Amino acid sequence: MKEVFNNCTGFEWDKGNSVKNWERHQVAQGECEQVFFNEPLIVFDDIKHSGGEKRWFLLGKSDVVRFLFIVFTIRKSRIRIISARDMNRNEKRIYHEQAKKETGF
C-alpha cells in the first residue's frame, strides 16, 4: 500500500486543518510529517470517506514515538493531511500486529 507515495514530492497544508489538528489534538504539522518517514507505517484505503476524492488513513509514529492516526489525500503530487490525532487502543493493537507481520518481530 505504500506505493501510494511513489510520486509524492512533499506536503500541502490547508491552514484550517493545521489549526484544527493543533487545537483539538495538539498535533503540529511537523510531527504529522515525521510519521511518513518512520517505519513501520501502516496505510489503509479510507473507502468510507472517499467520496469526492480518494482518501487514506495511516497508523504510524512520530520521531518522539507518539503513535498517530492520520487521514490524508494526495493532490497532484503532494500529501494533504486532513486530520491527525493520537491512536486509540484498538488502533495501537492493529498497528503493533501489522508491524510484527512486516518486520517479523
C-alpha atoms as a PDB file:
ATOM      1  CA  MET A   1       0.000   0.000   0.000  1.00  0.00           C
ATOM      2  CA  LYS A   2       2.984   2.316   0.441  1.00  0.00           C
ATOM      3  CA  GLU A   3       3.212   2.627  -3.330  1.00  0.00           C
ATOM      4  CA  VAL A   4       0.648   5.398  -2.901  1.00  0.00           C
ATOM      5  CA  PHE A   5       3.628   7.620  -2.034  1.00  0.00           C
ATOM      6  CA  ASN A   6       5.717   6.764  -5.123  1.00  0.00           C
ATOM      7  CA  ASN A   7       5.066  10.065  -6.934  1.00  0.00           C
ATOM      8  CA  CYS A   8       4.745  12.313  -3.880  1.00  0.00           C
ATOM      9  CA  THR A   9       7.054  15.312  -3.701  1.00  0.00           C
ATOM     10  CA  GLY A  10       6.042  16.893  -0.409  1.00  0.00           C
ATOM     11  CA  PHE A  11       3.193  18.141   1.711  1.00  0.00           C
ATOM     12  CA  GLU A  12       0.400  20.640   1.169  1.00  0.00           C
ATOM     13  CA  TRP A  13      -1.339  22.167   4.172  1.00  0.00           C
ATOM     14  CA  ASP A  14      -4.746  23.724   4.479  1.00  0.00           C
ATOM     15  CA  LYS A  15      -4.465  26.386   7.187  1.00  0.00           C
ATOM     16  CA  GLY A  16      -7.804  25.379   8.700  1.00  0.00           C
ATOM     17  CA  ASN A  17      -6.827  21.709   9.044  1.00  0.00           C
ATOM     18  CA  SER A  18      -3.457  22.622  10.516  1.00  0.00           C
ATOM     19  CA  VAL A  19      -5.045  24.807  13.196  1.00  0.00           C
ATOM     20  CA  LYS A  20      -7.807  22.250  13.840  1.00  0.00           C
ATOM     21  CA  ASN A  21      -5.315  19.418  14.387  1.00  0.00           C
ATOM     22  CA  TRP A  22      -3.389  21.531  16.884  1.00  0.00           C
ATOM     23  CA  GLU A  23      -6.428  22.859  18.759  1.00  0.00           C
ATOM     24  CA  ARG A  24      -8.237  19.533  19.003  1.00  0.00           C
ATOM     25  CA  HIS A  25      -5.355  17.083  19.378  1.00  0.00           C
ATOM     26  CA  GLN A  26      -2.124  19.089  19.915  1.00  0.00           C
ATOM     27  CA  VAL A  27      -0.579  17.581  16.788  1.00  0.00           C
ATOM     28  CA  ALA A  28       1.668  20.036  14.916  1.00  0.00           C
ATOM     29  CA  GLN A  29       2.356  19.995  11.173  1.00  0.00           C
ATOM     30  CA  GLY A  30       5.947  18.907  11.616  1.00  0.00           C
ATOM     31  CA  GLU A  31       5.008  15.992  13.830  1.00  0.00           C
ATOM     32  CA  CYS A  32       2.453  14.823  11.251  1.00  0.00           C
ATOM     33  CA  GLU A  33       5.058  14.935   8.509  1.00  0.00           C
ATOM     34  CA  GLN A  34       7.574  12.944  10.595  1.00  0.00           C
ATOM     35  CA  VAL A  35       5.220   9.969  10.692  1.00  0.00           C
ATOM     36  CA  PHE A  36       5.509   9.473   6.922  1.00  0.00           C
ATOM     37  CA  PHE A  37       9.264   8.861   7.260  1.00  0.00           C
ATOM     38  CA  ASN A  38       9.243   6.437  10.206  1.00  0.00           C
ATOM     39  CA  GLU A  39       8.760   2.694   9.986  1.00  0.00           C
ATOM     40  CA  PRO A  40       6.596   0.828  10.351  1.00  0.00           C
ATOM     41  CA  LEU A  41       3.987   2.839   8.517  1.00  0.00           C
ATOM     42  CA  ILE A  42       0.650   1.090   8.070  1.00  0.00           C
ATOM     43  CA  VAL A  43      -1.569   2.555   5.308  1.00  0.00           C
ATOM     44  CA  PHE A  44      -5.206   1.696   4.550  1.00  0.00           C
ATOM     45  CA  ASP A  45      -7.735   2.859   1.947  1.00  0.00           C
ATOM     46  CA  ASP A  46     -10.373   5.047   3.600  1.00  0.00           C
ATOM     47  CA  ILE A  47     -13.229   3.737   1.486  1.00  0.00           C
ATOM     48  CA  LYS A  48     -15.887   5.065   3.853  1.00  0.00           C
ATOM     49  CA  HIS A  49     -14.739   8.701   3.454  1.00  0.00           C
ATOM     50  CA  SER A  50     -13.515   8.679  -0.162  1.00  0.00           C
ATOM     51  CA  GLY A  51     -16.493  10.494  -1.649  1.00  0.00           C
ATOM     52  CA  GLY A  52     -15.224  13.400  -3.740  1.00  0.00           C
ATOM     53  CA  GLU A  53     -11.582  12.366  -3.616  1.00  0.00           C
ATOM     54  CA  LYS A  54      -9.570   9.282  -2.703  1.00  0.00           C
ATOM     55  CA  ARG A  55      -8.535   9.195   0.958  1.00  0.00           C
ATOM     56  CA  TRP A  56      -6.290   7.005   3.032  1.00  0.00           C
ATOM     57  CA  PHE A  57      -5.542   6.708   6.706  1.00  0.00           C
ATOM     58  CA  LEU A  58      -2.357   5.568   8.309  1.00  0.00           C
ATOM     59  CA  LEU A  59      -1.065   4.364  11.604  1.00  0.00           C
ATOM     60  CA  GLY A  60       2.465   5.461  12.407  1.00  0.00           C
ATOM     61  CA  LYS A  61       4.768   7.093  14.913  1.00  0.00           C
ATOM     62  CA  SER A  62       6.498  10.439  15.158  1.00  0.00           C
ATOM     63  CA  ASP A  63      10.169  10.947  15.999  1.00  0.00           C
ATOM     64  CA  VAL A  64       9.292  11.068  19.709  1.00  0.00           C
ATOM     65  CA  VAL A  65       7.370   7.762  19.354  1.00  0.00           C
ATOM     66  CA  ARG A  66       3.933   9.301  19.553  1.00  0.00           C
ATOM     67  CA  PHE A  67       1.522   6.913  17.853  1.00  0.00           C
ATOM     68  CA  LEU A  68      -0.703   8.835  15.451  1.00  0.00           C
ATOM     69  CA  PHE A  69      -3.739   8.150  13.274  1.00  0.00           C
ATOM     70  CA  ILE A  70      -3.643  10.386  10.191  1.00  0.00           C
ATOM     71  CA  VAL A  71      -6.200  10.824   7.414  1.00  0.00           C
ATOM     72  CA  PHE A  72      -4.811  12.207   4.165  1.00  0.00           C
ATOM     73  CA  THR A  73      -5.353  12.598   0.459  1.00  0.00           C
ATOM     74  CA  ILE A  74      -2.963  13.254  -2.391  1.00  0.00           C
ATOM     75  CA  ARG A  75      -3.484  16.281  -4.605  1.00  0.00           C
ATOM     76  CA  LYS A  76      -1.283  16.359  -7.663  1.00  0.00           C
ATOM     77  CA  SER A  77       1.953  15.088  -6.110  1.00  0.00           C
ATOM     78  CA  ARG A  78       1.514  16.437  -2.580  1.00  0.00           C
ATOM     79  CA  ILE A  79       0.275  14.751   0.568  1.00  0.00           C
ATOM     80  CA  ARG A  80      -2.537  16.785   2.105  1.00  0.00           C
ATOM     81  CA  ILE A  81      -3.231  15.909   5.719  1.00  0.00           C
ATOM     82  CA  ILE A  82      -6.901  16.162   6.616  1.00  0.00           C
ATOM     83  CA  SER A  83      -6.764  15.167  10.268  1.00  0.00           C
ATOM     84  CA  ALA A  84      -4.346  13.805  12.838  1.00  0.00           C
ATOM     85  CA  ARG A  85      -4.804  12.519  16.369  1.00  0.00           C
ATOM     86  CA  ASP A  86      -3.379  10.008  18.820  1.00  0.00           C
ATOM     87  CA  MET A  87      -4.210   6.390  18.071  1.00  0.00           C
ATOM     88  CA  ASN A  88      -6.864   4.819  20.239  1.00  0.00           C
ATOM     89  CA  ARG A  89      -6.294   1.474  21.969  1.00  0.00           C
ATOM     90  CA  ASN A  90      -7.696  -0.615  19.113  1.00  0.00           C
ATOM     91  CA  GLU A  91      -5.623   1.251  16.505  1.00  0.00           C
ATOM     92  CA  LYS A  92      -2.467   0.684  18.571  1.00  0.00           C
ATOM     93  CA  ARG A  93      -3.251  -3.031  18.697  1.00  0.00           C
ATOM     94  CA  ILE A  94      -3.698  -3.144  14.915  1.00  0.00           C
ATOM     95  CA  TYR A  95      -0.507  -1.120  14.420  1.00  0.00           C
ATOM     96  CA  HIS A  96       1.585  -3.463  16.554  1.00  0.00           C
ATOM     97  CA  GLU A  97       0.071  -6.587  14.948  1.00  0.00           C
ATOM     98  CA  GLN A  98       0.787  -5.270  11.435  1.00  0.00           C
ATOM     99  CA  ALA A  99       4.275  -4.139  12.466  1.00  0.00           C
ATOM    100  CA  LYS A 100       5.018  -7.687  13.656  1.00  0.00           C
ATOM    101  CA  LYS A 101       3.918  -9.081  10.317  1.00  0.00           C
ATOM    102  CA  GLU A 102       6.081  -6.620   8.390  1.00  0.00           C
ATOM    103  CA  THR A 103       9.219  -6.928  10.489  1.00  0.00           C
ATOM    104  CA  GLY A 104       8.891 -10.440  11.879  1.00  0.00           C
ATOM    105  CA  PHE A 105       9.440  -9.132  15.417  1.00  0.00           C
END
